[in-house]
Amino acid sequence: MTQGFVATQHSHRDFAAGETGRGPSVPSPLTNNPKAGQWDGRQLSRGIVADYKRLVMTDGEGIRCSIYVSGCPFRCENCYNASIWDFQAGHPYTQELEDQIIKDLSLSYVQGITYLGGEPLLNTPMLLQLSQRIRREFGHSKDIWCWTGYTWEELMRPGETPDKSELLSYVDVLVDGRYIETEKNTLLQFRGSSNQRIIDVPRSLEAGEPVIWSKLHDQTRFIPEHYSKEREQEQARG
């Protein structure tokens, strides 16, 4: 077992106890909370992909391709992808898969690619290779989204591993922060709990602080429920 991991879902630790300014809802008793540089994707990643989905519309703006990488030591309580916490859960990232991703991205109606997991920022060896190829072949005509359990503030801490900031330099939009079960909100756009943010990475790097994605649009009510109540009222009146 890798140092800093926990044996069960319900036993979480704060490895940077006493540290402040780590971002929204950090530390949380419902997740593991690492200190800077504690987890290094260059050592932890086994180059394993849990899934690849082409032409999806749920993992960011527009029609996208999504790659789900394996391995996540955050181990958020009630994570919906707990089956791929293991860095060896899935199948190897191959040149064949990479070529397929590039082929799919070349379609004119595909807006970009999304990195999910697992933890993408702990699978930097393969995602850096893919990101570099995407920029070589498409420039910035295809965007890159990334989900991470790290907060922006944690990623900016002194002592964090340099591969994370290198991967961030290719990312356009970052959805940051652990999934916190007690802050679950089904009305949020592209995220599961209210502590998580959708961050414009280039603007944030320039500003030196997190800048929220300008197209953010959360729902204010659950629409199907609203309509079903209206139907019930109409039926009652009729």
Protein backbone atom coordinates (compact mmCIF):
# COMPACT_ATOMS: atom_id res chain seq x y z
CA MET A 1 0.00 0.00 0.00
CA THR A 2 1.38 3.40 -0.96
CA GLN A 3 2.33 5.71 1.89
CA GLY A 4 -0.47 8.11 2.75
CA PHE A 5 -3.27 5.80 1.58
CA VAL A 6 -5.96 4.48 3.89
CA ALA A 7 -7.29 0.97 4.13
CA THR A 8 -11.00 1.74 4.21
CA GLN A 9 -13.34 4.29 2.73
CA HIS A 10 -14.44 5.52 6.17
CA SER A 11 -10.99 6.23 7.66
CA HIS A 12 -9.69 9.54 6.34
CA ARG A 13 -6.70 11.60 7.39
CA ASP A 14 -5.44 15.17 7.22
CA PHE A 15 -1.76 14.88 6.35
CA ALA A 16 -1.25 18.65 6.46
CA ALA A 17 -2.88 19.26 9.84
CA GLY A 18 -2.64 22.87 10.93
CA GLU A 19 -2.09 24.21 7.43
CA THR A 20 -4.57 26.91 6.42
CA GLY A 21 -5.68 28.45 3.12
CA ARG A 22 -6.06 25.17 1.28
CA GLY A 23 -9.27 26.11 -0.50
CA PRO A 24 -13.00 25.50 0.03
CA SER A 25 -13.86 22.69 2.48
CA VAL A 26 -10.25 21.61 3.01
CA PRO A 27 -9.55 19.75 5.15
CA SER A 28 -12.61 17.52 5.16
CA PRO A 29 -13.18 14.50 7.43
CA LEU A 30 -14.88 12.81 4.45
CA THR A 31 -11.73 12.67 2.30
CA ASN A 32 -7.97 12.32 2.58
CA ASN A 33 -6.16 15.66 2.65
CA PRO A 34 -2.55 15.54 1.40
CA LYS A 35 0.36 17.79 2.20
CA ALA A 36 2.23 19.42 -0.68
CA GLY A 37 4.13 16.91 -2.80
CA GLN A 38 2.90 13.92 -0.80
CA TRP A 39 1.45 12.18 -3.83
CA ASP A 40 3.56 12.13 -6.99
CA GLY A 41 1.91 10.98 -10.21
CA ARG A 42 5.28 10.27 -11.77
CA GLN A 43 5.69 7.50 -9.20
CA LEU A 44 2.09 6.47 -8.52
CA SER A 45 0.69 6.26 -12.06
CA ARG A 46 0.69 2.85 -13.69
CA GLY A 47 -0.45 4.22 -17.03
CA ILE A 48 -3.87 2.61 -16.63
CA VAL A 49 -7.11 3.87 -18.18
CA ALA A 50 -10.44 2.81 -16.70
CA ASP A 51 -12.55 4.00 -19.63
CA TYR A 52 -12.58 6.10 -22.77
CA LYS A 53 -15.83 7.62 -24.03
CA ARG A 54 -16.20 9.37 -27.36
CA LEU A 55 -18.82 11.98 -28.26
CA VAL A 56 -20.27 12.73 -24.81
CA MET A 57 -22.04 15.89 -23.65
CA THR A 58 -21.93 15.48 -19.85
CA ASP A 59 -18.23 16.04 -19.12
CA GLY A 60 -17.89 19.73 -19.93
CA GLU A 61 -19.00 22.16 -22.62
CA GLY A 62 -20.03 20.88 -26.05
CA ILE A 63 -19.46 17.46 -27.58
CA ARG A 64 -16.34 15.92 -26.06
CA CYS A 65 -14.13 12.90 -25.71
CA SER A 66 -13.51 11.75 -22.14
CA ILE A 67 -10.66 9.68 -20.74
CA TYR A 68 -11.04 8.22 -17.25
CA VAL A 69 -7.67 7.43 -15.65
CA SER A 70 -7.21 5.02 -12.74
CA GLY A 71 -6.01 5.72 -9.25
CA CYS A 72 -7.17 8.18 -6.58
CA PRO A 73 -5.93 8.45 -2.99
CA PHE A 74 -8.43 11.17 -2.02
CA ARG A 75 -11.03 8.43 -1.56
CA CYS A 76 -13.98 10.77 -1.06
CA GLU A 77 -16.87 9.34 0.95
CA ASN A 78 -19.53 7.93 -1.43
CA CYS A 79 -17.43 8.63 -4.54
CA TYR A 80 -19.33 7.37 -7.58
CA ASN A 81 -16.06 6.19 -9.15
CA ALA A 82 -14.70 4.31 -6.13
CA SER A 83 -14.13 1.24 -8.33
CA ILE A 84 -11.17 3.03 -9.95
CA TRP A 85 -9.38 4.24 -6.81
CA ASP A 86 -6.87 1.47 -7.55
CA PHE A 87 -4.08 2.67 -9.86
CA GLN A 88 -4.18 -0.72 -11.60
CA ALA A 89 -7.93 -0.88 -12.28
CA GLY A 90 -8.45 -0.93 -16.04
CA HIS A 91 -6.27 -1.41 -19.08
CA PRO A 92 -2.97 0.15 -20.22
CA TYR A 93 -2.84 3.44 -22.06
CA THR A 94 -1.60 2.49 -25.53
CA GLN A 95 -0.48 4.19 -28.72
CA GLU A 96 -3.56 2.70 -30.35
CA LEU A 97 -5.83 4.42 -27.83
CA GLU A 98 -3.98 7.70 -28.23
CA ASP A 99 -4.33 7.52 -32.02
CA GLN A 100 -8.08 6.85 -31.62
CA ILE A 101 -8.44 9.86 -29.35
CA ILE A 102 -6.68 12.09 -31.87
CA LYS A 103 -8.88 10.71 -34.65
CA ASP A 104 -12.02 11.41 -32.63
CA LEU A 105 -10.84 14.93 -31.75
CA SER A 106 -10.27 15.70 -35.42
CA LEU A 107 -14.02 15.61 -36.01
CA SER A 108 -15.15 19.19 -36.59
CA TYR A 109 -18.05 19.03 -34.13
CA VAL A 110 -15.94 17.74 -31.21
CA GLN A 111 -15.02 20.68 -28.97
CA GLY A 112 -12.31 19.01 -26.92
CA ILE A 113 -11.25 16.39 -24.42
CA THR A 114 -11.90 15.89 -20.72
CA TYR A 115 -9.61 14.22 -18.19
CA LEU A 116 -11.40 12.48 -15.32
CA GLY A 117 -10.76 9.61 -12.98
CA GLY A 118 -9.49 8.59 -10.68
CA GLU A 119 -7.16 11.51 -10.33
CA PRO A 120 -5.78 13.02 -13.56
CA LEU A 121 -3.10 15.06 -11.78
CA LEU A 122 -1.67 11.82 -10.44
CA ASN A 123 -1.55 10.33 -13.94
CA THR A 124 0.64 12.99 -15.46
CA PRO A 125 3.02 10.76 -17.49
CA MET A 126 0.34 9.67 -19.97
CA LEU A 127 -1.76 12.86 -19.85
CA LEU A 128 1.24 15.09 -20.52
CA GLN A 129 2.09 12.97 -23.54
CA LEU A 130 -1.49 13.21 -24.80
CA SER A 131 -1.80 16.95 -24.06
CA GLN A 132 1.42 17.74 -25.89
CA ARG A 133 0.24 15.82 -28.94
CA ILE A 134 -3.15 17.56 -28.89
CA ARG A 135 -1.46 20.97 -28.88
CA ARG A 136 0.93 19.91 -31.65
CA GLU A 137 -1.85 18.67 -33.91
CA PHE A 138 -4.72 21.02 -33.04
CA GLY A 139 -3.15 24.04 -31.36
CA HIS A 140 -5.88 25.62 -29.22
CA SER A 141 -8.74 24.74 -31.57
CA LYS A 142 -9.65 21.90 -29.15
CA ASP A 143 -10.01 22.65 -25.46
CA ILE A 144 -8.89 20.52 -22.52
CA TRP A 145 -11.01 20.15 -19.40
CA CYS A 146 -9.81 18.39 -16.26
CA TRP A 147 -11.46 17.23 -13.04
CA THR A 148 -9.28 17.02 -9.93
CA GLY A 149 -9.68 16.33 -6.22
CA TYR A 150 -7.04 18.94 -5.52
CA THR A 151 -8.12 22.52 -4.91
CA TRP A 152 -6.48 25.31 -6.89
CA GLU A 153 -4.85 26.54 -3.68
CA GLU A 154 -3.32 23.14 -3.00
CA LEU A 155 -1.91 22.92 -6.50
CA MET A 156 -0.27 26.32 -6.06
CA ARG A 157 1.41 25.39 -2.76
CA PRO A 158 5.20 25.52 -2.58
CA GLY A 159 6.54 21.97 -2.62
CA GLU A 160 3.90 20.50 -4.94
CA THR A 161 5.35 18.28 -7.66
CA PRO A 162 6.22 20.13 -10.90
CA ASP A 163 4.43 17.68 -13.19
CA LYS A 164 1.09 18.95 -11.87
CA SER A 165 1.75 22.55 -12.88
CA GLU A 166 3.10 21.32 -16.21
CA LEU A 167 -0.15 19.50 -16.95
CA LEU A 168 -2.14 22.53 -15.77
CA SER A 169 -0.33 24.63 -18.39
CA TYR A 170 -2.18 22.63 -21.08
CA VAL A 171 -5.59 22.73 -19.36
CA ASP A 172 -8.24 25.31 -20.28
CA VAL A 173 -10.86 24.56 -17.63
CA LEU A 174 -10.32 22.86 -14.26
CA VAL A 175 -13.10 21.52 -12.04
CA ASP A 176 -11.38 21.49 -8.66
CA GLY A 177 -11.94 20.05 -5.19
CA ARG A 178 -12.99 16.79 -3.59
CA TYR A 179 -16.53 15.53 -3.73
CA ILE A 180 -17.89 16.36 -0.25
CA GLU A 181 -20.99 14.28 0.48
CA THR A 182 -22.41 16.80 2.99
CA GLU A 183 -22.24 19.53 0.32
CA LYS A 184 -23.89 17.47 -2.42
CA ASN A 185 -26.04 19.59 -4.76
CA THR A 186 -27.71 18.13 -7.85
CA LEU A 187 -28.38 21.58 -9.32
CA LEU A 188 -24.72 22.38 -9.95
CA GLN A 189 -23.28 22.48 -13.45
CA PHE A 190 -20.64 19.80 -14.12
CA ARG A 191 -19.92 19.08 -10.44
CA GLY A 192 -21.37 17.21 -7.50
CA SER A 193 -20.82 19.33 -4.39
CA SER A 194 -20.93 23.05 -3.72
CA ASN A 195 -17.28 23.34 -2.64
CA GLN A 196 -16.14 22.46 -6.17
CA ARG A 197 -15.41 25.21 -8.69
CA ILE A 198 -15.14 25.50 -12.47
CA ILE A 199 -11.95 27.47 -13.01
CA ASP A 200 -10.61 29.27 -16.09
CA VAL A 201 -7.00 28.06 -15.90
CA PRO A 202 -5.20 30.54 -18.22
CA ARG A 203 -6.91 33.54 -16.60
CA SER A 204 -6.25 32.16 -13.12
CA LEU A 205 -2.55 31.63 -13.82
CA GLU A 206 -2.36 35.19 -15.10
CA ALA A 207 -4.26 36.64 -12.14
CA GLY A 208 -2.48 34.59 -9.51
CA GLU A 209 -5.80 33.50 -8.03
CA PRO A 210 -8.71 31.28 -9.11
CA VAL A 211 -10.94 32.91 -11.75
CA ILE A 212 -14.32 31.23 -12.22
CA TRP A 213 -15.24 30.07 -15.74
CA SER A 214 -17.26 32.86 -17.37
CA LYS A 215 -19.96 30.51 -18.71
CA LEU A 216 -20.88 29.08 -15.32
CA HIS A 217 -24.61 28.51 -15.15
CA ASP A 218 -26.03 26.55 -12.21
CA GLN A 219 -29.72 25.68 -11.99
CA THR A 220 -31.74 27.34 -9.26
CA ARG A 221 -34.38 24.62 -9.06
CA PHE A 222 -34.88 21.05 -10.15
CA ILE A 223 -36.85 21.55 -13.37
CA PRO A 224 -38.51 18.11 -13.77
CA GLU A 225 -39.83 18.32 -10.21
CA HIS A 226 -41.16 21.82 -10.88
CA TYR A 227 -43.04 20.68 -13.97
CA SER A 228 -44.43 17.57 -12.30
CA LYS A 229 -45.94 19.74 -9.54
CA GLU A 230 -47.54 21.98 -12.18
CA ARG A 231 -49.07 18.91 -13.87
CA GLU A 232 -50.45 17.68 -10.55
CA GLN A 233 -52.05 21.09 -9.93
CA GLU A 234 -53.58 21.11 -13.43
CA GLN A 235 -54.97 17.62 -12.90
CA ALA A 236 -56.40 18.63 -9.54
CA ARG A 237 -58.09 21.67 -11.12
CA GLY A 238 -59.36 19.64 -14.07
